[in-house]
Amino acid sequence: ADPHALADFAAAEKVALTVVGPEAPL
């Protein structure tokens, strides 16, 4: 859930696109 951990995962896994669903992370 932590934004920094999510960004680390996206970078490490070479995620092509992240889509934000709910309002709180935005």
PDB file of all heavy atoms in Angstrom:
ATOM      1  N   ALA A   1       0.817  -1.208   0.000  1.00  0.00           N
ATOM      2  CA  ALA A   1       0.000   0.000   0.000  1.00  0.00           C
ATOM      3  C   ALA A   1       0.857   1.266   0.000  1.00  0.00           C
ATOM      4  O   ALA A   1       0.436   2.294  -0.514  1.00  0.00           O
ATOM      5  CB  ALA A   1      -0.934   0.014   1.211  1.00  0.00           C
ATOM      6  N   ASP A   2       2.059   1.187   0.558  1.00  0.00           N
ATOM      7  CA  ASP A   2       2.920   2.358   0.645  1.00  0.00           C
ATOM      8  C   ASP A   2       3.328   2.823  -0.761  1.00  0.00           C
ATOM      9  O   ASP A   2       3.826   2.017  -1.565  1.00  0.00           O
ATOM     10  CB  ASP A   2       4.177   2.033   1.458  1.00  0.00           C
ATOM     11  CG  ASP A   2       5.152   3.195   1.469  1.00  0.00           C
ATOM     12  OD1 ASP A   2       4.860   4.194   2.137  1.00  0.00           O
ATOM     13  OD2 ASP A   2       6.188   3.096   0.773  1.00  0.00           O
ATOM     14  N   PRO A   3       3.142   4.100  -1.091  1.00  0.00           N
ATOM     15  CA  PRO A   3       3.460   4.581  -2.444  1.00  0.00           C
ATOM     16  C   PRO A   3       4.911   4.344  -2.860  1.00  0.00           C
ATOM     17  O   PRO A   3       5.176   4.006  -4.014  1.00  0.00           O
ATOM     18  CB  PRO A   3       3.146   6.085  -2.364  1.00  0.00           C
ATOM     19  CG  PRO A   3       2.141   6.209  -1.260  1.00  0.00           C
ATOM     20  CD  PRO A   3       2.504   5.149  -0.270  1.00  0.00           C
ATOM     21  N   HIS A   4       5.845   4.501  -1.926  1.00  0.00           N
ATOM     22  CA  HIS A   4       7.261   4.287  -2.266  1.00  0.00           C
ATOM     23  C   HIS A   4       7.526   2.818  -2.579  1.00  0.00           C
ATOM     24  O   HIS A   4       8.265   2.496  -3.520  1.00  0.00           O
ATOM     25  CB  HIS A   4       8.162   4.770  -1.129  1.00  0.00           C
ATOM     26  CG  HIS A   4       8.117   6.253  -0.935  1.00  0.00           C
ATOM     27  ND1 HIS A   4       8.880   7.123  -1.682  1.00  0.00           N
ATOM     28  CD2 HIS A   4       7.383   7.026  -0.084  1.00  0.00           C
ATOM     29  CE1 HIS A   4       8.628   8.365  -1.310  1.00  0.00           C
ATOM     30  NE2 HIS A   4       7.724   8.337  -0.338  1.00  0.00           N
ATOM     31  N   ALA A   5       6.894   1.915  -1.814  1.00  0.00           N
ATOM     32  CA  ALA A   5       7.052   0.482  -2.075  1.00  0.00           C
ATOM     33  C   ALA A   5       6.429   0.115  -3.422  1.00  0.00           C
ATOM     34  O   ALA A   5       6.982  -0.719  -4.164  1.00  0.00           O
ATOM     35  CB  ALA A   5       6.407  -0.329  -0.947  1.00  0.00           C
ATOM     36  N   LEU A   6       5.301   0.721  -3.752  1.00  0.00           N
ATOM     37  CA  LEU A   6       4.668   0.468  -5.050  1.00  0.00           C
ATOM     38  C   LEU A   6       5.544   0.958  -6.195  1.00  0.00           C
ATOM     39  O   LEU A   6       5.688   0.276  -7.219  1.00  0.00           O
ATOM     40  CB  LEU A   6       3.297   1.147  -5.097  1.00  0.00           C
ATOM     41  CG  LEU A   6       2.212   0.531  -4.220  1.00  0.00           C
ATOM     42  CD1 LEU A   6       1.023   1.464  -4.086  1.00  0.00           C
ATOM     43  CD2 LEU A   6       1.772  -0.814  -4.793  1.00  0.00           C
ATOM     44  N   ALA A   7       6.154   2.127  -6.014  1.00  0.00           N
ATOM     45  CA  ALA A   7       7.049   2.651  -7.047  1.00  0.00           C
ATOM     46  C   ALA A   7       8.283   1.762  -7.204  1.00  0.00           C
ATOM     47  O   ALA A   7       8.737   1.498  -8.329  1.00  0.00           O
ATOM     48  CB  ALA A   7       7.460   4.084  -6.710  1.00  0.00           C
ATOM     49  N   ASP A   8       8.821   1.273  -6.087  1.00  0.00           N
ATOM     50  CA  ASP A   8       9.964   0.340  -6.145  1.00  0.00           C
ATOM     51  C   ASP A   8       9.591  -0.912  -6.928  1.00  0.00           C
ATOM     52  O   ASP A   8      10.365  -1.400  -7.755  1.00  0.00           O
ATOM     53  CB  ASP A   8      10.406  -0.052  -4.722  1.00  0.00           C
ATOM     54  CG  ASP A   8      11.099   1.091  -3.979  1.00  0.00           C
ATOM     55  OD1 ASP A   8      11.537   2.061  -4.632  1.00  0.00           O
ATOM     56  OD2 ASP A   8      11.187   0.992  -2.738  1.00  0.00           O
ATOM     57  N   PHE A   9       8.388  -1.450  -6.651  1.00  0.00           N
ATOM     58  CA  PHE A   9       7.924  -2.660  -7.350  1.00  0.00           C
ATOM     59  C   PHE A   9       7.776  -2.388  -8.843  1.00  0.00           C
ATOM     60  O   PHE A   9       8.231  -3.175  -9.682  1.00  0.00           O
ATOM     61  CB  PHE A   9       6.585  -3.123  -6.760  1.00  0.00           C
ATOM     62  CG  PHE A   9       5.991  -4.296  -7.489  1.00  0.00           C
ATOM     63  CD1 PHE A   9       6.366  -5.595  -7.170  1.00  0.00           C
ATOM     64  CD2 PHE A   9       5.066  -4.101  -8.507  1.00  0.00           C
ATOM     65  CE1 PHE A   9       5.826  -6.682  -7.860  1.00  0.00           C
ATOM     66  CE2 PHE A   9       4.520  -5.180  -9.199  1.00  0.00           C
ATOM     67  CZ  PHE A   9       4.908  -6.473  -8.865  1.00  0.00           C
ATOM     68  N   ALA A  10       7.134  -1.255  -9.190  1.00  0.00           N
ATOM     69  CA  ALA A  10       6.919  -0.924 -10.600  1.00  0.00           C
ATOM     70  C   ALA A  10       8.244  -0.786 -11.341  1.00  0.00           C
ATOM     71  O   ALA A  10       8.379  -1.224 -12.489  1.00  0.00           O
ATOM     72  CB  ALA A  10       6.100   0.362 -10.718  1.00  0.00           C
ATOM     73  N   ALA A  11       9.225  -0.200 -10.673  1.00  0.00           N
ATOM     74  CA  ALA A  11      10.538  -0.038 -11.300  1.00  0.00           C
ATOM     75  C   ALA A  11      11.235  -1.388 -11.464  1.00  0.00           C
ATOM     76  O   ALA A  11      11.781  -1.697 -12.535  1.00  0.00           O
ATOM     77  CB  ALA A  11      11.395   0.914 -10.467  1.00  0.00           C
ATOM     78  N   ALA A  12      11.210  -2.202 -10.404  1.00  0.00           N
ATOM     79  CA  ALA A  12      11.919  -3.484 -10.432  1.00  0.00           C
ATOM     80  C   ALA A  12      11.306  -4.451 -11.437  1.00  0.00           C
ATOM     81  O   ALA A  12      12.027  -5.192 -12.121  1.00  0.00           O
ATOM     82  CB  ALA A  12      11.912  -4.112  -9.034  1.00  0.00           C
ATOM     83  N   GLU A  13       9.970  -4.437 -11.544  1.00  0.00           N
ATOM     84  CA  GLU A  13       9.271  -5.383 -12.428  1.00  0.00           C
ATOM     85  C   GLU A  13       9.051  -4.831 -13.836  1.00  0.00           C
ATOM     86  O   GLU A  13       8.427  -5.492 -14.669  1.00  0.00           O
ATOM     87  CB  GLU A  13       7.912  -5.756 -11.813  1.00  0.00           C
ATOM     88  CG  GLU A  13       8.011  -6.633 -10.576  1.00  0.00           C
ATOM     89  CD  GLU A  13       8.544  -8.025 -10.903  1.00  0.00           C
ATOM     90  OE1 GLU A  13       8.205  -8.570 -11.971  1.00  0.00           O
ATOM     91  OE2 GLU A  13       9.326  -8.545 -10.086  1.00  0.00           O
ATOM     92  N   LYS A  14       9.542  -3.603 -14.065  1.00  0.00           N
ATOM     93  CA  LYS A  14       9.355  -2.952 -15.371  1.00  0.00           C
ATOM     94  C   LYS A  14       7.872  -2.907 -15.759  1.00  0.00           C
ATOM     95  O   LYS A  14       7.489  -3.304 -16.872  1.00  0.00           O
ATOM     96  CB  LYS A  14      10.199  -3.639 -16.445  1.00  0.00           C
ATOM     97  CG  LYS A  14      11.694  -3.515 -16.192  1.00  0.00           C
ATOM     98  CD  LYS A  14      12.503  -4.140 -17.312  1.00  0.00           C
ATOM     99  CE  LYS A  14      13.991  -3.853 -17.169  1.00  0.00           C
ATOM    100  NZ  LYS A  14      14.565  -4.232 -15.871  1.00  0.00           N
ATOM    101  N   VAL A  15       7.050  -2.440 -14.825  1.00  0.00           N
ATOM    102  CA  VAL A  15       5.617  -2.299 -15.078  1.00  0.00           C
ATOM    103  C   VAL A  15       5.411  -1.228 -16.147  1.00  0.00           C
ATOM    104  O   VAL A  15       5.930  -0.114 -16.038  1.00  0.00           O
ATOM    105  CB  VAL A  15       4.874  -1.932 -13.769  1.00  0.00           C
ATOM    106  CG1 VAL A  15       3.442  -1.502 -14.042  1.00  0.00           C
ATOM    107  CG2 VAL A  15       4.906  -3.121 -12.804  1.00  0.00           C
ATOM    108  N   ALA A  16       4.652  -1.571 -17.191  1.00  0.00           N
ATOM    109  CA  ALA A  16       4.466  -0.645 -18.315  1.00  0.00           C
ATOM    110  C   ALA A  16       3.528   0.496 -17.976  1.00  0.00           C
ATOM    111  O   ALA A  16       3.678   1.609 -18.486  1.00  0.00           O
ATOM    112  CB  ALA A  16       3.927  -1.406 -19.525  1.00  0.00           C
ATOM    113  N   LEU A  17       2.547   0.225 -17.106  1.00  0.00           N
ATOM    114  CA  LEU A  17       1.538   1.241 -16.792  1.00  0.00           C
ATOM    115  C   LEU A  17       0.945   0.954 -15.414  1.00  0.00           C
ATOM    116  O   LEU A  17       0.585  -0.180 -15.114  1.00  0.00           O
ATOM    117  CB  LEU A  17       0.413   1.217 -17.831  1.00  0.00           C
ATOM    118  CG  LEU A  17      -0.760   2.167 -17.587  1.00  0.00           C
ATOM    119  CD1 LEU A  17      -0.325   3.623 -17.733  1.00  0.00           C
ATOM    120  CD2 LEU A  17      -1.919   1.867 -18.551  1.00  0.00           C
ATOM    121  N   THR A  18       0.849   2.005 -14.605  1.00  0.00           N
ATOM    122  CA  THR A  18       0.134   1.920 -13.331  1.00  0.00           C
ATOM    123  C   THR A  18      -1.129   2.752 -13.449  1.00  0.00           C
ATOM    124  O   THR A  18      -1.109   3.873 -13.966  1.00  0.00           O
ATOM    125  CB  THR A  18       1.006   2.440 -12.173  1.00  0.00           C
ATOM    126  OG1 THR A  18       2.162   1.602 -12.058  1.00  0.00           O
ATOM    127  CG2 THR A  18       0.248   2.421 -10.857  1.00  0.00           C
ATOM    128  N   VAL A  19      -2.246   2.190 -12.977  1.00  0.00           N
ATOM    129  CA  VAL A  19      -3.548   2.870 -13.003  1.00  0.00           C
ATOM    130  C   VAL A  19      -4.028   2.998 -11.561  1.00  0.00           C
ATOM    131  O   VAL A  19      -4.108   2.001 -10.838  1.00  0.00           O
ATOM    132  CB  VAL A  19      -4.573   2.092 -13.847  1.00  0.00           C
ATOM    133  CG1 VAL A  19      -5.920   2.819 -13.871  1.00  0.00           C
ATOM    134  CG2 VAL A  19      -4.057   1.880 -15.268  1.00  0.00           C
ATOM    135  N   VAL A  20      -4.351   4.233 -11.154  1.00  0.00           N
ATOM    136  CA  VAL A  20      -4.789   4.471  -9.773  1.00  0.00           C
ATOM    137  C   VAL A  20      -6.312   4.423  -9.718  1.00  0.00           C
ATOM    138  O   VAL A  20      -6.982   5.175 -10.426  1.00  0.00           O
ATOM    139  CB  VAL A  20      -4.281   5.828  -9.254  1.00  0.00           C
ATOM    140  CG1 VAL A  20      -4.558   5.951  -7.757  1.00  0.00           C
ATOM    141  CG2 VAL A  20      -2.797   6.003  -9.539  1.00  0.00           C
ATOM    142  N   GLY A  21      -6.853   3.556  -8.856  1.00  0.00           N
ATOM    143  CA  GLY A  21      -8.295   3.437  -8.741  1.00  0.00           C
ATOM    144  C   GLY A  21      -8.919   4.429  -7.779  1.00  0.00           C
ATOM    145  O   GLY A  21      -9.725   5.265  -8.176  1.00  0.00           O
ATOM    146  N   PRO A  22      -8.578   4.389  -6.476  1.00  0.00           N
ATOM    147  CA  PRO A  22      -9.285   5.203  -5.485  1.00  0.00           C
ATOM    148  C   PRO A  22      -8.701   6.597  -5.297  1.00  0.00           C
ATOM    149  O   PRO A  22      -7.614   6.921  -5.797  1.00  0.00           O
ATOM    150  CB  PRO A  22      -9.131   4.377  -4.196  1.00  0.00           C
ATOM    151  CG  PRO A  22      -7.852   3.631  -4.383  1.00  0.00           C
ATOM    152  CD  PRO A  22      -7.660   3.429  -5.867  1.00  0.00           C
ATOM    153  N   GLU A  23      -9.440   7.404  -4.528  1.00  0.00           N
ATOM    154  CA  GLU A  23      -9.083   8.805  -4.364  1.00  0.00           C
ATOM    155  C   GLU A  23      -7.949   9.045  -3.383  1.00  0.00           C
ATOM    156  O   GLU A  23      -7.174   9.991  -3.555  1.00  0.00           O
ATOM    157  CB  GLU A  23     -10.320   9.599  -3.924  1.00  0.00           C
ATOM    158  CG  GLU A  23     -10.959   9.166  -2.610  1.00  0.00           C
ATOM    159  CD  GLU A  23     -11.961   8.020  -2.741  1.00  0.00           C
ATOM    160  OE1 GLU A  23     -11.880   7.241  -3.726  1.00  0.00           O
ATOM    161  OE2 GLU A  23     -12.809   7.892  -1.855  1.00  0.00           O
ATOM    162  N   ALA A  24      -7.826   8.213  -2.335  1.00  0.00           N
ATOM    163  CA  ALA A  24      -6.850   8.505  -1.280  1.00  0.00           C
ATOM    164  C   ALA A  24      -5.404   8.539  -1.798  1.00  0.00           C
ATOM    165  O   ALA A  24      -4.663   9.480  -1.477  1.00  0.00           O
ATOM    166  CB  ALA A  24      -7.002   7.513  -0.134  1.00  0.00           C
ATOM    167  N   PRO A  25      -4.951   7.559  -2.604  1.00  0.00           N
ATOM    168  CA  PRO A  25      -3.570   7.651  -3.117  1.00  0.00           C
ATOM    169  C   PRO A  25      -3.357   8.870  -4.013  1.00  0.00           C
ATOM    170  O   PRO A  25      -2.266   9.446  -4.028  1.00  0.00           O
ATOM    171  CB  PRO A  25      -3.382   6.346  -3.902  1.00  0.00           C
ATOM    172  CG  PRO A  25      -4.459   5.425  -3.428  1.00  0.00           C
ATOM    173  CD  PRO A  25      -5.598   6.292  -3.020  1.00  0.00           C
ATOM    174  N   LEU A  26      -4.391   9.258  -4.771  1.00  0.00           N
ATOM    175  CA  LEU A  26      -4.271  10.446  -5.623  1.00  0.00           C
ATOM    176  C   LEU A  26      -4.079  11.690  -4.766  1.00  0.00           C
ATOM    177  O   LEU A  26      -3.209  12.519  -5.037  1.00  0.00           O
ATOM    178  CB  LEU A  26      -5.519  10.595  -6.494  1.00  0.00           C
ATOM    179  CG  LEU A  26      -5.753   9.491  -7.524  1.00  0.00           C
ATOM    180  CD1 LEU A  26      -7.136   9.628  -8.145  1.00  0.00           C
ATOM    181  CD2 LEU A  26      -4.680   9.507  -8.604  1.00  0.00           C
TER     182      LEU A  26
END
